[in-house]
């Protein structure tokens, strides 16, 4: 059964993770995948986003420092109760520890920071894993991580999730575009269990929460990354990115919005952010801005629109195009407010924080 959050609209939604795509040698192997632009990684909270411009790469910092408390906000990718990886913004004190090293330490299953994670989430790195070395090369835009031997002790079915979580967390750090892994000082050329290839640095081209659209021709396909929503055990809403394989198209931006309208695949626990009564009139890039022009018979000018829908459009468009800003139109109108009184009348940048959930 498909799920939609909005009472005002008709509803349906869902998601099936494709077993074919879980192996390193699958369709999304690094050597064959279309590069997915790095995204920003945050929103002040789910109700009232802080909208901000991106840098030239389309990525934003996944950390900010609270000058009053000295705490750092960082975004890490954790497993939820439905086995989806989701970005979660955490608050921590770095001290002398580098941001990337601390992020990885917070992602260890049952590790020292497990009690600081929101309810319903856990780290994906194997129990007992230690980060014995961490370095960043500004020139190469590369993070090099050296793990202890415990990193090699995991269930083979978790291998891709581990790879995805590391790649997406560390490439959210400024000037990091790739990640190289080591085990006790020795460079890893492949993952220990299912041999996911590590012959080149990990990037976001690995995708995240991989799935394939119904009837897709794998040989004539292209990935798009979409943002849907889910709920914590306490009923808090959070966003979940999924990389969906769709039939090849030259218009990735419009395809992304079309797929948002289609919603999660059947049998999914995810919640759709748009419903089939919304029609995509056009998606037009110009300079650093993409304009998304939608029609909806139920839309009344001045009526608040669902925040999840508007934010998911911004997340998905900036994720797939690297655009700095998104202008949303509904029935030709731009004077749009969401249910939290946030204005979308002007082009907006990607939010600076995502899923700042209660711990």
Protein backbone atom coordinates (compact mmCIF):
# COMPACT_ATOMS: atom_id res chain seq x y z
CA UNK A 1 0.00 0.00 0.00
CA UNK A 2 1.26 3.48 -0.79
CA UNK A 3 1.25 6.31 1.75
CA UNK A 4 0.80 10.06 1.43
CA UNK A 5 0.91 12.50 4.29
CA UNK A 6 -1.48 15.11 2.94
CA UNK A 7 -5.17 14.95 3.85
CA UNK A 8 -5.93 17.76 1.37
CA UNK A 9 -4.78 15.63 -1.57
CA UNK A 10 -5.72 12.18 -2.88
CA UNK A 11 -3.09 9.60 -1.85
CA UNK A 12 -0.81 6.65 -2.71
CA UNK A 13 3.02 5.65 -2.26
CA UNK A 14 5.81 2.91 -1.40
CA UNK A 15 9.49 1.30 -2.06
CA UNK A 16 11.19 -2.04 -2.91
CA UNK A 17 14.93 -2.35 -2.65
CA UNK A 18 16.20 -4.43 -5.55
CA UNK A 19 18.43 -7.35 -4.49
CA UNK A 20 20.28 -7.15 -7.82
CA UNK A 21 21.70 -3.79 -6.83
CA UNK A 22 23.19 -4.83 -3.50
CA UNK A 23 26.40 -6.33 -4.89
CA UNK A 24 29.46 -4.24 -5.71
CA UNK A 25 29.49 -5.58 -9.26
CA UNK A 26 25.87 -4.48 -9.88
CA UNK A 27 24.53 -1.76 -12.12
CA UNK A 28 25.70 0.95 -9.70
CA UNK A 29 29.32 -0.22 -9.55
CA UNK A 30 31.54 2.85 -9.64
CA UNK A 31 33.04 2.05 -13.00
CA UNK A 32 29.68 2.15 -14.79
CA UNK A 33 27.63 4.71 -12.89
CA UNK A 34 26.67 8.20 -13.96
CA UNK A 35 28.14 10.62 -11.43
CA UNK A 36 25.58 11.99 -8.99
CA UNK A 37 26.26 15.55 -7.89
CA UNK A 38 27.15 15.91 -4.21
CA UNK A 39 24.35 17.45 -2.19
CA UNK A 40 24.07 19.70 0.78
CA UNK A 41 23.47 17.86 3.98
CA UNK A 42 21.21 19.72 6.46
CA UNK A 43 17.92 21.70 7.67
CA UNK A 44 17.63 23.62 10.93
CA UNK A 45 14.71 21.39 11.77
CA UNK A 46 12.11 19.61 9.72
CA UNK A 47 9.43 22.23 10.33
CA UNK A 48 11.34 25.43 9.57
CA UNK A 49 14.22 24.97 7.14
CA UNK A 50 17.14 27.34 6.94
CA UNK A 51 17.49 27.86 3.20
CA UNK A 52 20.98 28.65 1.99
CA UNK A 53 22.93 28.91 -1.25
CA UNK A 54 25.40 26.21 -2.23
CA UNK A 55 28.98 26.45 -3.42
CA UNK A 56 30.02 25.91 -7.01
CA UNK A 57 30.05 22.12 -6.69
CA UNK A 58 26.46 21.90 -5.50
CA UNK A 59 27.59 20.69 -2.09
CA UNK A 60 27.35 22.38 1.28
CA UNK A 61 29.23 21.87 4.50
CA UNK A 62 27.75 19.15 6.70
CA UNK A 63 28.82 20.96 9.84
CA UNK A 64 28.42 24.29 11.60
CA UNK A 65 29.63 25.52 14.98
CA UNK A 66 27.39 27.02 17.67
CA UNK A 67 29.50 29.93 18.93
CA UNK A 68 27.65 30.00 22.27
CA UNK A 69 28.10 26.34 23.20
CA UNK A 70 31.11 25.40 21.10
CA UNK A 71 29.19 22.42 19.78
CA UNK A 72 29.42 21.37 16.16
CA UNK A 73 26.45 20.26 14.09
CA UNK A 74 27.43 17.47 11.72
CA UNK A 75 25.46 15.26 9.36
CA UNK A 76 26.07 11.52 9.36
CA UNK A 77 24.27 8.70 7.57
CA UNK A 78 22.63 6.19 9.90
CA UNK A 79 20.37 3.15 9.47
CA UNK A 80 16.74 3.56 10.46
CA UNK A 81 14.39 0.84 11.64
CA UNK A 82 13.40 0.02 8.06
CA UNK A 83 17.03 -0.46 6.98
CA UNK A 84 17.22 2.78 5.03
CA UNK A 85 20.23 5.05 5.32
CA UNK A 86 19.15 8.55 6.31
CA UNK A 87 21.13 11.74 6.94
CA UNK A 88 20.89 12.80 10.58
CA UNK A 89 22.28 16.03 11.98
CA UNK A 90 23.94 15.55 15.37
CA UNK A 91 25.46 17.96 17.86
CA UNK A 92 28.85 17.13 19.31
CA UNK A 93 32.08 18.69 20.57
CA UNK A 94 35.03 18.11 18.27
CA UNK A 95 37.95 19.16 20.43
CA UNK A 96 41.12 18.26 18.52
CA UNK A 97 39.36 15.55 16.48
CA UNK A 98 38.84 16.15 12.77
CA UNK A 99 35.23 16.38 11.65
CA UNK A 100 35.44 13.34 9.35
CA UNK A 101 37.03 11.13 11.99
CA UNK A 102 34.43 12.12 14.59
CA UNK A 103 31.59 11.52 12.13
CA UNK A 104 32.83 8.00 11.42
CA UNK A 105 33.25 7.26 15.12
CA UNK A 106 29.63 8.27 15.68
CA UNK A 107 28.58 5.80 12.95
CA UNK A 108 29.97 2.69 14.70
CA UNK A 109 27.22 0.25 15.65
CA UNK A 110 27.07 0.07 19.44
CA UNK A 111 30.03 2.43 19.69
CA UNK A 112 30.93 5.09 22.24
CA UNK A 113 28.36 7.52 20.83
CA UNK A 114 25.45 5.11 20.38
CA UNK A 115 23.48 6.74 23.20
CA UNK A 116 23.67 10.11 21.39
CA UNK A 117 21.82 8.85 18.32
CA UNK A 118 18.09 9.48 17.87
CA UNK A 119 15.72 6.66 18.81
CA UNK A 120 15.23 4.23 15.95
CA UNK A 121 18.66 4.85 14.37
CA UNK A 122 21.94 2.97 14.62
CA UNK A 123 25.40 3.17 13.16
CA UNK A 124 26.25 1.02 10.16
CA UNK A 125 29.99 0.55 10.72
CA UNK A 126 30.80 -2.85 12.25
CA UNK A 127 30.91 -3.18 16.04
CA UNK A 128 34.35 -2.54 17.48
CA UNK A 129 35.55 -0.52 14.48
CA UNK A 130 38.18 2.10 15.32
CA UNK A 131 39.35 4.92 13.08
CA UNK A 132 43.10 4.57 13.57
CA UNK A 133 43.98 7.10 10.89
CA UNK A 134 42.22 9.94 9.07
CA UNK A 135 43.63 12.45 6.62
CA UNK A 136 42.29 14.94 4.09
CA UNK A 137 44.12 16.22 1.02
CA UNK A 138 42.83 19.63 -0.03
CA UNK A 139 44.72 19.34 -3.32
CA UNK A 140 43.20 15.95 -4.24
CA UNK A 141 39.88 16.64 -2.48
CA UNK A 142 40.36 13.20 -0.96
CA UNK A 143 39.73 11.78 2.53
CA UNK A 144 41.81 8.74 3.48
CA UNK A 145 40.46 6.57 6.30
CA UNK A 146 42.41 3.84 8.06
CA UNK A 147 40.19 1.39 9.95
CA UNK A 148 41.09 -1.24 12.55
CA UNK A 149 40.69 -4.94 11.74
CA UNK A 150 37.19 -4.98 13.23
CA UNK A 151 36.00 -3.06 10.16
CA UNK A 152 36.29 -6.30 8.17
CA UNK A 153 33.85 -8.15 10.47
CA UNK A 154 30.37 -7.52 9.12
CA UNK A 155 27.45 -9.33 7.53
CA UNK A 156 28.02 -9.54 3.77
CA UNK A 157 24.50 -8.17 3.17
CA UNK A 158 25.52 -4.93 4.91
CA UNK A 159 28.49 -4.23 2.65
CA UNK A 160 26.83 -1.79 0.27
CA UNK A 161 25.16 0.11 3.12
CA UNK A 162 28.57 0.53 4.77
CA UNK A 163 30.09 1.83 1.53
CA UNK A 164 27.20 4.22 0.90
CA UNK A 165 27.20 5.60 4.45
CA UNK A 166 30.95 6.30 4.40
CA UNK A 167 30.86 7.89 0.94
CA UNK A 168 27.84 10.11 1.58
CA UNK A 169 28.93 11.22 5.06
CA UNK A 170 32.49 12.19 4.15
CA UNK A 171 31.67 13.84 0.81
CA UNK A 172 29.44 16.21 2.76
CA UNK A 173 32.62 17.72 4.24
CA UNK A 174 33.94 20.83 2.44
CA UNK A 175 36.55 20.00 -0.20
CA UNK A 176 36.07 16.23 0.10
CA UNK A 177 34.87 14.67 -3.13
CA UNK A 178 36.34 11.17 -2.79
CA UNK A 179 37.20 8.65 -0.09
CA UNK A 180 39.97 6.05 0.04
CA UNK A 181 39.80 3.20 2.57
CA UNK A 182 42.63 1.40 4.35
CA UNK A 183 42.65 -1.55 6.76
CA UNK A 184 45.39 -1.54 9.39
CA UNK A 185 47.51 0.66 7.11
CA UNK A 186 47.05 -1.37 3.91
CA UNK A 187 45.05 0.14 1.04
CA UNK A 188 41.79 -1.71 0.39
CA UNK A 189 41.26 -2.49 -3.30
CA UNK A 190 37.91 -4.11 -2.57
CA UNK A 191 35.58 -4.60 0.37
CA UNK A 192 36.34 -7.73 2.44
CA UNK A 193 33.07 -9.69 2.04
CA UNK A 194 31.44 -9.10 -1.36
CA UNK A 195 34.41 -7.44 -3.05
CA UNK A 196 32.80 -4.07 -3.74
CA UNK A 197 35.52 -2.40 -5.88
CA UNK A 198 37.66 0.23 -4.19
CA UNK A 199 40.20 0.62 -6.98
CA UNK A 200 39.19 4.28 -7.28
CA UNK A 201 38.02 6.71 -4.56
CA UNK A 202 34.45 6.35 -3.35
CA UNK A 203 32.14 9.18 -4.39
CA UNK A 204 28.40 9.77 -4.29
CA UNK A 205 28.21 7.94 -7.60
CA UNK A 206 27.71 4.79 -5.50
CA UNK A 207 24.14 6.01 -4.93
CA UNK A 208 22.18 5.45 -1.73
CA UNK A 209 19.31 3.13 -0.79
CA UNK A 210 19.38 1.75 -4.33
CA UNK A 211 16.24 0.65 -6.16
CA UNK A 212 14.98 0.24 -9.72
CA UNK A 213 11.79 1.62 -11.22
CA UNK A 214 9.26 -0.92 -12.45
CA UNK A 215 10.09 -2.27 -15.90
CA UNK A 216 13.43 -0.46 -16.16
CA UNK A 217 15.89 -1.67 -18.79
CA UNK A 218 19.15 -1.89 -16.85
CA UNK A 219 21.21 -1.54 -20.01
CA UNK A 220 19.44 1.71 -20.92
CA UNK A 221 19.11 3.29 -17.51
CA UNK A 222 20.25 6.30 -15.51
CA UNK A 223 20.12 7.00 -11.73
CA UNK A 224 18.19 9.79 -10.05
CA UNK A 225 18.29 10.51 -6.34
CA UNK A 226 14.96 11.39 -4.73
CA UNK A 227 13.91 12.51 -1.26
CA UNK A 228 10.89 10.93 0.41
CA UNK A 229 9.90 11.03 4.07
CA UNK A 230 9.51 8.65 6.98
CA UNK A 231 8.71 8.88 10.70
CA UNK A 232 10.61 8.05 13.86
CA UNK A 233 9.02 5.87 16.56
CA UNK A 234 8.08 9.17 18.25
CA UNK A 235 6.33 10.47 15.14
CA UNK A 236 9.00 12.93 13.99
CA UNK A 237 9.23 13.36 10.23
CA UNK A 238 12.59 12.90 8.52
CA UNK A 239 13.83 12.70 4.93
CA UNK A 240 15.26 9.60 3.26
CA UNK A 241 17.18 9.77 -0.04
CA UNK A 242 16.85 6.90 -2.51
CA UNK A 243 18.75 6.46 -5.76
CA UNK A 244 16.37 5.05 -8.33
CA UNK A 245 17.37 3.50 -11.63
CA UNK A 246 15.06 4.76 -14.39
CA UNK A 247 15.02 4.45 -18.18
CA UNK A 248 17.58 6.69 -19.80
CA UNK A 249 16.67 10.33 -20.30
CA UNK A 250 18.49 13.52 -21.23
CA UNK A 251 16.38 15.59 -18.82
CA UNK A 252 17.40 14.40 -15.35
CA UNK A 253 15.87 17.41 -13.60
CA UNK A 254 12.37 16.80 -14.97
CA UNK A 255 12.74 13.04 -14.50
CA UNK A 256 13.50 13.62 -10.82
CA UNK A 257 10.31 15.63 -10.30
CA UNK A 258 8.28 13.11 -12.32
CA UNK A 259 9.59 10.36 -10.05
CA UNK A 260 8.69 12.39 -6.95
CA UNK A 261 5.12 12.51 -8.26
CA UNK A 262 5.14 8.74 -8.82
CA UNK A 263 6.28 8.36 -5.23
CA UNK A 264 8.04 5.50 -3.47
CA UNK A 265 7.80 2.07 -5.07
CA UNK A 266 5.17 -0.42 -3.88
CA UNK A 267 5.60 -2.22 -0.56
CA UNK A 268 7.71 0.60 0.87
CA UNK A 269 7.55 2.09 4.33
CA UNK A 270 8.49 5.49 2.91
CA UNK A 271 5.94 8.29 2.57
CA UNK A 272 5.32 10.17 -0.66
CA UNK A 273 5.75 13.93 -0.68
CA UNK A 274 3.69 14.57 -3.83
CA UNK A 275 0.57 12.92 -5.20
CA UNK A 276 -0.59 12.03 -8.73
CA UNK A 277 -2.93 15.01 -8.93
CA UNK A 278 0.17 17.23 -9.22
CA UNK A 279 1.34 17.58 -12.82
CA UNK A 280 4.81 18.63 -13.93
CA UNK A 281 4.43 21.36 -16.55
CA UNK A 282 8.16 22.03 -17.01
CA UNK A 283 11.51 21.95 -15.26
CA UNK A 284 13.83 24.60 -16.69
CA UNK A 285 17.47 25.31 -15.78
CA UNK A 286 18.85 28.82 -16.27
CA UNK A 287 22.21 29.97 -14.94
CA UNK A 288 22.44 28.63 -11.36
CA UNK A 289 18.67 28.20 -10.87
CA UNK A 290 16.21 25.47 -11.86
CA UNK A 291 12.55 26.51 -12.16
CA UNK A 292 10.01 23.78 -11.37
CA UNK A 293 6.58 24.66 -12.80
CA UNK A 294 3.75 22.52 -11.40
CA UNK A 295 0.01 22.49 -11.85
CA UNK A 296 -2.43 21.35 -9.18
CA UNK A 297 -6.18 21.79 -9.38
CA UNK A 298 -6.42 21.75 -5.59
CA UNK A 299 -3.98 24.63 -5.14
CA UNK A 300 -5.49 27.93 -4.05
CA UNK A 301 -3.31 31.01 -4.11
CA UNK A 302 -2.37 32.00 -0.55
CA UNK A 303 -3.10 28.54 0.81
CA UNK A 304 -0.10 27.02 2.66
CA UNK A 305 1.54 24.10 0.87
CA UNK A 306 3.06 21.02 2.55
CA UNK A 307 6.60 21.76 3.72
CA UNK A 308 7.70 18.20 2.98
CA UNK A 309 6.70 18.55 -0.67
CA UNK A 310 8.49 21.84 -1.22
CA UNK A 311 11.65 20.82 0.62
CA UNK A 312 11.80 17.45 -1.14
CA UNK A 313 11.65 19.21 -4.51
CA UNK A 314 14.57 21.45 -3.51
CA UNK A 315 16.59 18.52 -2.14
CA UNK A 316 15.97 16.35 -5.18
CA UNK A 317 16.64 19.02 -7.79
CA UNK A 318 19.87 20.27 -6.20
CA UNK A 319 21.00 16.68 -5.63
CA UNK A 320 20.70 15.70 -9.28
CA UNK A 321 21.71 18.91 -11.02
CA UNK A 322 24.15 20.72 -8.73
CA UNK A 323 22.02 23.85 -9.13
CA UNK A 324 22.48 26.47 -6.43
CA UNK A 325 18.81 27.46 -6.25
CA UNK A 326 15.32 26.25 -7.09
CA UNK A 327 12.29 28.37 -8.03
CA UNK A 328 8.97 26.60 -7.51
CA UNK A 329 5.79 27.66 -9.31
CA UNK A 330 2.28 26.35 -8.68
CA UNK A 331 -0.27 27.12 -11.38
CA UNK A 332 2.09 29.83 -12.61
CA UNK A 333 2.27 31.53 -9.18
CA UNK A 334 5.43 31.94 -7.13
CA UNK A 335 3.99 33.54 -4.00
CA UNK A 336 4.06 30.22 -2.14
CA UNK A 337 4.15 29.75 1.63
CA UNK A 338 4.54 26.40 3.32
CA UNK A 339 2.59 25.32 6.39
CA UNK A 340 5.36 26.71 8.62
CA UNK A 341 5.07 30.18 7.04
CA UNK A 342 8.35 29.76 5.11
CA UNK A 343 8.27 31.67 1.83
CA UNK A 344 9.24 30.13 -1.51
CA UNK A 345 8.34 33.23 -3.53
CA UNK A 346 12.01 33.69 -4.52
CA UNK A 347 14.49 31.01 -5.61
CA UNK A 348 15.75 29.12 -2.57
CA UNK A 349 19.01 27.30 -1.92
CA UNK A 350 19.36 23.89 -0.41
CA UNK A 351 18.65 23.77 3.34
CA UNK A 352 21.74 23.86 5.53
CA UNK A 353 20.65 21.17 8.01
CA UNK A 354 18.65 17.99 7.56
CA UNK A 355 16.87 15.71 10.03
CA UNK A 356 17.91 17.40 13.29
CA UNK A 357 16.00 14.80 15.31
CA UNK A 358 15.58 14.46 19.05
CA UNK A 359 18.17 12.20 20.66
